[in-house]
Amino acid sequence: MSANTDTEAARAILRDNFERIRELVVDATDGLTPEMSDYRPGPKANSIAWLLWHLTRVQDDHVSDAADAEQAWTSRGWQERFGFSFPAADVGYGHNSVQVGEVHADAQLLADYHGDVHLATLEYIDELTVDELDRIVDRSWDPPVSVSVRLVSVIGDCLQHLGQAAYLRGLLDDR
């Protein structure tokens, strides 16, 4: 295979995965009421709102970092629209039960923020080259993390949290 063919194949795979994530976010927010969004099956469990906010923050943070671009969270006013008291760099890692409980968000706001991050992600994917996919973005891991590994990690994280949100949604829809 030529480098150009490899690049196009990688772009197609990444685009397909991120399109699937987008579809699942849209499905998760469709008809989502505030009560459903905030529901937590236990005192230490995550809500759908927190799961969707967190997965979008991680995608925004990690893809922006790889692309050497400012996050939509801060550059496009999402932090102000959500109005959370968390620092701008907070993506939800390590949140305790109280912090999870502070995340309340309208379904449309969650969907719109993800839509903005999704478009920025696709723009970055459209510019990817084989060399860019191999570029190291985090040397704190052994082995160091490349752009391709980071993008696959984001996909895995998003899908895991979307599965959790879908499970919660199923519990609520069956009531």
Protein backbone atom coordinates (compact mmCIF):
# COMPACT_ATOMS: atom_id res chain seq x y z
CA MET A 1 0.00 0.00 0.00
CA SER A 2 1.14 3.52 -0.64
CA ALA A 3 1.36 6.14 2.10
CA ASN A 4 -1.61 7.93 0.52
CA THR A 5 -3.72 4.77 0.58
CA ASP A 6 -2.70 4.11 4.20
CA THR A 7 -3.65 7.65 5.14
CA GLU A 8 -7.05 7.42 3.46
CA ALA A 9 -7.75 4.06 5.11
CA ALA A 10 -6.81 5.41 8.54
CA ARG A 11 -8.95 8.50 8.02
CA ALA A 12 -11.92 6.37 6.93
CA ILE A 13 -11.66 4.11 10.00
CA LEU A 14 -11.33 7.03 12.39
CA ARG A 15 -14.14 8.98 10.73
CA ASP A 16 -16.43 5.93 10.89
CA ASN A 17 -15.76 5.45 14.60
CA PHE A 18 -16.33 9.10 15.48
CA GLU A 19 -19.50 9.17 13.34
CA ARG A 20 -20.79 6.19 15.34
CA ILE A 21 -20.03 8.03 18.57
CA ARG A 22 -21.94 11.06 17.28
CA GLU A 23 -24.95 8.93 16.38
CA LEU A 24 -24.95 7.36 19.85
CA VAL A 25 -24.79 10.76 21.54
CA VAL A 26 -27.75 11.93 19.45
CA ASP A 27 -29.64 8.74 20.38
CA ALA A 28 -28.79 9.19 24.08
CA THR A 29 -30.07 12.78 24.15
CA ASP A 30 -33.18 12.27 22.02
CA GLY A 31 -36.18 12.74 24.31
CA LEU A 32 -33.95 12.90 27.38
CA THR A 33 -35.78 14.77 30.15
CA PRO A 34 -33.99 16.65 32.95
CA GLU A 35 -35.10 13.94 35.41
CA MET A 36 -33.63 11.23 33.19
CA SER A 37 -30.46 13.22 32.57
CA ASP A 38 -29.81 13.61 36.30
CA TYR A 39 -30.82 10.07 37.35
CA ARG A 40 -28.19 8.14 39.31
CA PRO A 41 -29.03 4.53 40.24
CA GLY A 42 -26.89 4.82 43.36
CA PRO A 43 -25.18 7.56 45.38
CA LYS A 44 -21.80 6.93 43.76
CA ALA A 45 -23.07 6.27 40.22
CA ASN A 46 -22.68 8.59 37.25
CA SER A 47 -25.67 10.26 35.63
CA ILE A 48 -26.34 10.37 31.90
CA ALA A 49 -25.60 14.11 31.97
CA TRP A 50 -22.22 13.50 33.60
CA LEU A 51 -21.35 10.63 31.25
CA LEU A 52 -22.16 12.64 28.11
CA TRP A 53 -20.45 15.78 29.40
CA HIS A 54 -17.36 13.83 30.43
CA LEU A 55 -16.97 11.87 27.20
CA THR A 56 -17.31 15.10 25.23
CA ARG A 57 -14.82 16.91 27.45
CA VAL A 58 -12.31 14.07 26.98
CA GLN A 59 -12.80 14.08 23.21
CA ASP A 60 -12.48 17.87 23.13
CA ASP A 61 -9.39 17.88 25.35
CA HIS A 62 -7.51 15.01 23.74
CA VAL A 63 -8.26 15.75 20.09
CA SER A 64 -7.56 19.47 20.57
CA ASP A 65 -4.26 18.62 22.21
CA ALA A 66 -3.28 16.34 19.33
CA ALA A 67 -4.36 18.96 16.80
CA ASP A 68 -2.54 21.71 18.72
CA ALA A 69 -5.80 23.66 18.79
CA GLU A 70 -7.79 25.36 21.52
CA GLN A 71 -10.64 23.34 22.97
CA ALA A 72 -14.20 24.17 21.96
CA TRP A 73 -14.98 24.20 25.70
CA THR A 74 -13.07 27.46 26.14
CA SER A 75 -12.78 28.89 22.62
CA ARG A 76 -16.43 28.55 21.61
CA GLY A 77 -18.12 29.48 24.87
CA TRP A 78 -19.26 26.07 26.04
CA GLN A 79 -17.77 26.49 29.51
CA GLU A 80 -19.93 29.58 30.05
CA ARG A 81 -23.05 27.94 28.61
CA PHE A 82 -22.75 24.98 30.97
CA GLY A 83 -21.93 27.25 33.91
CA PHE A 84 -20.18 24.63 36.05
CA SER A 85 -17.84 25.70 38.85
CA PHE A 86 -15.08 23.37 37.65
CA PRO A 87 -11.78 24.77 36.36
CA ALA A 88 -11.60 25.16 32.58
CA ALA A 89 -9.20 22.22 32.24
CA ASP A 90 -11.46 19.81 34.18
CA VAL A 91 -12.67 16.91 32.06
CA GLY A 92 -14.16 14.85 34.89
CA TYR A 93 -11.32 12.43 35.61
CA GLY A 94 -11.36 11.56 39.29
CA HIS A 95 -14.64 13.30 40.03
CA ASN A 96 -16.14 12.25 43.32
CA SER A 97 -19.84 11.70 43.95
CA VAL A 98 -20.45 15.33 44.89
CA GLN A 99 -18.79 16.61 41.72
CA VAL A 100 -20.75 14.14 39.58
CA GLY A 101 -23.91 15.41 41.25
CA GLU A 102 -23.06 18.98 40.26
CA VAL A 103 -23.33 18.15 36.56
CA HIS A 104 -26.80 19.09 35.39
CA ALA A 105 -27.28 19.83 31.72
CA ASP A 106 -30.09 20.08 29.23
CA ALA A 107 -30.10 17.30 26.64
CA GLN A 108 -29.87 19.80 23.77
CA LEU A 109 -26.89 21.54 25.35
CA LEU A 110 -25.09 18.20 25.72
CA ALA A 111 -25.91 17.25 22.12
CA ASP A 112 -24.87 20.64 20.75
CA TYR A 113 -21.56 20.68 22.61
CA HIS A 114 -20.77 17.20 21.35
CA GLY A 115 -21.79 18.25 17.83
CA ASP A 116 -19.29 21.11 17.93
CA VAL A 117 -16.51 18.85 19.22
CA HIS A 118 -17.44 16.23 16.64
CA LEU A 119 -17.04 18.71 13.78
CA ALA A 120 -13.65 19.82 15.11
CA THR A 121 -12.63 16.16 15.37
CA LEU A 122 -13.62 15.46 11.76
CA GLU A 123 -11.71 18.54 10.58
CA TYR A 124 -8.60 17.21 12.31
CA ILE A 125 -9.09 13.72 10.88
CA ASP A 126 -9.38 15.19 7.38
CA GLU A 127 -5.89 16.68 7.79
CA LEU A 128 -4.19 13.57 9.19
CA THR A 129 -1.13 12.12 7.51
CA VAL A 130 0.77 8.94 8.26
CA ASP A 131 3.51 11.04 9.87
CA GLU A 132 0.94 12.84 12.02
CA LEU A 133 -0.55 9.53 13.17
CA ASP A 134 2.92 8.43 14.29
CA ARG A 135 3.73 11.70 16.11
CA ILE A 136 4.23 11.30 19.84
CA VAL A 137 1.85 13.41 21.94
CA ASP A 138 2.56 12.05 25.43
CA ARG A 139 5.93 10.80 26.63
CA SER A 140 4.75 10.17 30.19
CA TRP A 141 3.65 6.64 29.22
CA ASP A 142 5.81 3.64 28.34
CA PRO A 143 5.62 3.27 25.44
CA PRO A 144 4.99 6.92 24.56
CA VAL A 145 1.53 7.71 23.15
CA SER A 146 1.21 8.55 19.46
CA VAL A 147 -1.65 10.45 17.83
CA SER A 148 -3.09 7.17 16.52
CA VAL A 149 -3.01 5.58 19.98
CA ARG A 150 -4.56 8.70 21.52
CA LEU A 151 -7.42 8.72 19.00
CA VAL A 152 -8.12 5.02 19.55
CA SER A 153 -8.09 5.66 23.31
CA VAL A 154 -10.63 8.48 22.91
CA ILE A 155 -12.85 6.23 20.81
CA GLY A 156 -12.70 3.49 23.45
CA ASP A 157 -13.44 5.92 26.29
CA CYS A 158 -16.38 7.48 24.44
CA LEU A 159 -17.90 4.12 23.56
CA GLN A 160 -17.53 2.85 27.10
CA HIS A 161 -19.34 5.87 28.54
CA LEU A 162 -21.99 5.76 25.83
CA GLY A 163 -22.66 2.14 26.75
CA GLN A 164 -23.12 3.21 30.36
CA ALA A 165 -25.46 6.03 29.32
CA ALA A 166 -27.47 3.64 27.13
CA TYR A 167 -27.79 1.21 30.04
CA LEU A 168 -29.10 3.97 32.30
CA ARG A 169 -31.44 5.14 29.57
CA GLY A 170 -32.75 1.59 29.21
CA LEU A 171 -33.43 1.39 32.95
CA LEU A 172 -35.37 4.65 32.77
CA ASP A 173 -37.25 3.81 29.58
CA ASP A 174 -38.45 0.52 31.13
CA ARG A 175 -39.98 2.21 34.17
